[in-house]
Amino acid sequence: MAELIAGGRAFARFEGGDVVYKAEIGALSAKVGQIQGVWVHPDRRGHGLGASGTAAVADRLVRGLGRTASLRERLQHRGSGGVQTNRVRRGGRYATVLF
């Protein structure tokens, strides 16, 4: 985590001293960066923080780092709408292998 923070690849939104959104840019190649660890505080789910926060991380990848943004979405919470917005589209399916 310290490496992600030092590299400007860890993101969080705070409200009243509490973390309400967090995500990281994990795997990073010359062409693609993977958004991982997206989390929204349970009390703030359904208020658009996931979509807007993830869009900001994707913008950092695309505009700031010149990479394609890749997001592995795993819906864990009933009622979670994921990040389906007009700015995010499904590009395909893949598997991640961790070494």
C-alpha atoms as a PDB file:
ATOM      1  CA  MET A   1       0.000   0.000   0.000  1.00  0.00           C
ATOM      2  CA  ALA A   2       2.850   2.396   0.771  1.00  0.00           C
ATOM      3  CA  GLU A   3       4.136   1.917  -2.786  1.00  0.00           C
ATOM      4  CA  LEU A   4       0.698   2.734  -4.241  1.00  0.00           C
ATOM      5  CA  ILE A   5       0.407   5.870  -2.106  1.00  0.00           C
ATOM      6  CA  ALA A   6       3.947   7.017  -2.946  1.00  0.00           C
ATOM      7  CA  GLY A   7       3.253   6.417  -6.653  1.00  0.00           C
ATOM      8  CA  GLY A   8       0.024   8.452  -6.609  1.00  0.00           C
ATOM      9  CA  ARG A   9      -2.025   5.314  -7.273  1.00  0.00           C
ATOM     10  CA  ALA A  10      -4.179   5.241  -4.119  1.00  0.00           C
ATOM     11  CA  PHE A  11      -7.338   7.345  -3.930  1.00  0.00           C
ATOM     12  CA  ALA A  12      -9.762   8.117  -1.125  1.00  0.00           C
ATOM     13  CA  ARG A  13     -12.606  10.489  -0.366  1.00  0.00           C
ATOM     14  CA  PHE A  14     -13.122  11.621   3.197  1.00  0.00           C
ATOM     15  CA  GLU A  15     -16.224  13.142   4.761  1.00  0.00           C
ATOM     16  CA  GLY A  16     -16.067  14.333   8.340  1.00  0.00           C
ATOM     17  CA  GLY A  17     -12.835  12.434   8.885  1.00  0.00           C
ATOM     18  CA  ASP A  18     -14.291   9.129   7.648  1.00  0.00           C
ATOM     19  CA  VAL A  19     -13.313   7.304   4.469  1.00  0.00           C
ATOM     20  CA  VAL A  20     -16.410   7.055   2.262  1.00  0.00           C
ATOM     21  CA  TYR A  21     -14.718   5.890  -0.971  1.00  0.00           C
ATOM     22  CA  LYS A  22     -11.392   4.298  -1.822  1.00  0.00           C
ATOM     23  CA  ALA A  23      -9.723   2.634  -4.812  1.00  0.00           C
ATOM     24  CA  GLU A  24      -6.262   1.926  -6.152  1.00  0.00           C
ATOM     25  CA  ILE A  25      -4.527   1.584  -9.484  1.00  0.00           C
ATOM     26  CA  GLY A  26      -2.983  -1.860  -9.050  1.00  0.00           C
ATOM     27  CA  ALA A  27      -1.351  -3.556 -12.003  1.00  0.00           C
ATOM     28  CA  LEU A  28       0.126  -0.972 -14.354  1.00  0.00           C
ATOM     29  CA  SER A  29       1.672  -1.710 -17.744  1.00  0.00           C
ATOM     30  CA  ALA A  30       2.831   0.585 -20.522  1.00  0.00           C
ATOM     31  CA  LYS A  31      -0.688   0.555 -21.985  1.00  0.00           C
ATOM     32  CA  VAL A  32      -3.202  -0.408 -19.288  1.00  0.00           C
ATOM     33  CA  GLY A  33      -3.849   0.265 -15.602  1.00  0.00           C
ATOM     34  CA  GLN A  34      -6.185  -1.879 -13.512  1.00  0.00           C
ATOM     35  CA  ILE A  35      -8.514  -0.176 -11.058  1.00  0.00           C
ATOM     36  CA  GLN A  36      -8.885  -2.353  -7.980  1.00  0.00           C
ATOM     37  CA  GLY A  37     -10.096  -2.277  -4.415  1.00  0.00           C
ATOM     38  CA  VAL A  38     -13.111  -0.066  -5.081  1.00  0.00           C
ATOM     39  CA  TRP A  39     -15.031   0.366  -1.831  1.00  0.00           C
ATOM     40  CA  VAL A  40     -17.840   2.650  -0.691  1.00  0.00           C
ATOM     41  CA  HIS A  41     -18.846   3.018   2.948  1.00  0.00           C
ATOM     42  CA  PRO A  42     -22.070   1.031   3.538  1.00  0.00           C
ATOM     43  CA  ASP A  43     -23.943   4.138   4.735  1.00  0.00           C
ATOM     44  CA  ARG A  44     -23.050   6.002   1.514  1.00  0.00           C
ATOM     45  CA  ARG A  45     -23.838   3.286  -1.048  1.00  0.00           C
ATOM     46  CA  GLY A  46     -26.442   4.223  -3.624  1.00  0.00           C
ATOM     47  CA  HIS A  47     -25.428   7.902  -3.612  1.00  0.00           C
ATOM     48  CA  GLY A  48     -23.174   7.835  -6.691  1.00  0.00           C
ATOM     49  CA  LEU A  49     -19.826   7.843  -4.873  1.00  0.00           C
ATOM     50  CA  GLY A  50     -18.709   4.602  -6.516  1.00  0.00           C
ATOM     51  CA  ALA A  51     -19.442   5.835 -10.028  1.00  0.00           C
ATOM     52  CA  SER A  52     -18.001   9.320  -9.570  1.00  0.00           C
ATOM     53  CA  GLY A  53     -14.945   8.140  -7.647  1.00  0.00           C
ATOM     54  CA  THR A  54     -14.141   5.392 -10.113  1.00  0.00           C
ATOM     55  CA  ALA A  55     -14.609   7.822 -13.012  1.00  0.00           C
ATOM     56  CA  ALA A  56     -12.025  10.098 -11.358  1.00  0.00           C
ATOM     57  CA  VAL A  57      -9.551   7.223 -11.011  1.00  0.00           C
ATOM     58  CA  ALA A  58     -10.153   6.234 -14.650  1.00  0.00           C
ATOM     59  CA  ASP A  59      -9.587   9.849 -15.682  1.00  0.00           C
ATOM     60  CA  ARG A  60      -6.230   9.796 -13.852  1.00  0.00           C
ATOM     61  CA  LEU A  61      -5.274   6.669 -15.796  1.00  0.00           C
ATOM     62  CA  VAL A  62      -6.409   7.924 -19.198  1.00  0.00           C
ATOM     63  CA  ARG A  63      -5.541  11.623 -19.082  1.00  0.00           C
ATOM     64  CA  GLY A  64      -2.880  11.688 -16.411  1.00  0.00           C
ATOM     65  CA  LEU A  65      -0.972   8.522 -17.224  1.00  0.00           C
ATOM     66  CA  GLY A  66      -1.942   7.893 -20.865  1.00  0.00           C
ATOM     67  CA  ARG A  67      -3.196   4.355 -20.163  1.00  0.00           C
ATOM     68  CA  THR A  68      -6.395   2.474 -20.906  1.00  0.00           C
ATOM     69  CA  ALA A  69      -8.380   2.043 -17.696  1.00  0.00           C
ATOM     70  CA  SER A  70      -9.347  -1.518 -16.826  1.00  0.00           C
ATOM     71  CA  LEU A  71     -11.832  -2.284 -14.061  1.00  0.00           C
ATOM     72  CA  ARG A  72     -12.607  -5.701 -12.732  1.00  0.00           C
ATOM     73  CA  GLU A  73     -16.057  -5.356 -11.281  1.00  0.00           C
ATOM     74  CA  ARG A  74     -17.256  -7.823  -8.690  1.00  0.00           C
ATOM     75  CA  LEU A  75     -20.624  -6.964  -7.234  1.00  0.00           C
ATOM     76  CA  GLN A  76     -20.579  -8.074  -3.619  1.00  0.00           C
ATOM     77  CA  HIS A  77     -23.506  -6.224  -2.156  1.00  0.00           C
ATOM     78  CA  ARG A  78     -27.126  -6.848  -2.941  1.00  0.00           C
ATOM     79  CA  GLY A  79     -28.574  -3.816  -4.671  1.00  0.00           C
ATOM     80  CA  SER A  80     -25.190  -2.617  -5.886  1.00  0.00           C
ATOM     81  CA  GLY A  81     -25.476  -1.084  -9.316  1.00  0.00           C
ATOM     82  CA  GLY A  82     -21.775  -1.157 -10.002  1.00  0.00           C
ATOM     83  CA  VAL A  83     -20.316   1.653 -12.059  1.00  0.00           C
ATOM     84  CA  GLN A  84     -22.516   1.402 -15.148  1.00  0.00           C
ATOM     85  CA  THR A  85     -22.712   4.966 -16.376  1.00  0.00           C
ATOM     86  CA  ASN A  86     -22.504   6.663 -19.731  1.00  0.00           C
ATOM     87  CA  ARG A  87     -18.746   7.049 -19.159  1.00  0.00           C
ATOM     88  CA  VAL A  88     -18.011   3.354 -18.537  1.00  0.00           C
ATOM     89  CA  ARG A  89     -18.622   0.556 -20.998  1.00  0.00           C
ATOM     90  CA  ARG A  90     -17.964  -3.148 -20.842  1.00  0.00           C
ATOM     91  CA  GLY A  91     -15.057  -3.906 -23.138  1.00  0.00           C
ATOM     92  CA  GLY A  92     -14.742  -7.639 -22.642  1.00  0.00           C
ATOM     93  CA  ARG A  93     -14.064 -10.374 -20.156  1.00  0.00           C
ATOM     94  CA  TYR A  94     -10.724 -11.495 -18.814  1.00  0.00           C
ATOM     95  CA  ALA A  95      -9.062 -13.196 -15.891  1.00  0.00           C
ATOM     96  CA  THR A  96      -6.441 -11.776 -13.565  1.00  0.00           C
ATOM     97  CA  VAL A  97      -3.569 -14.001 -12.470  1.00  0.00           C
ATOM     98  CA  LEU A  98      -1.599 -12.947  -9.402  1.00  0.00           C
ATOM     99  CA  PHE A  99       1.954 -14.211  -8.927  1.00  0.00           C
END
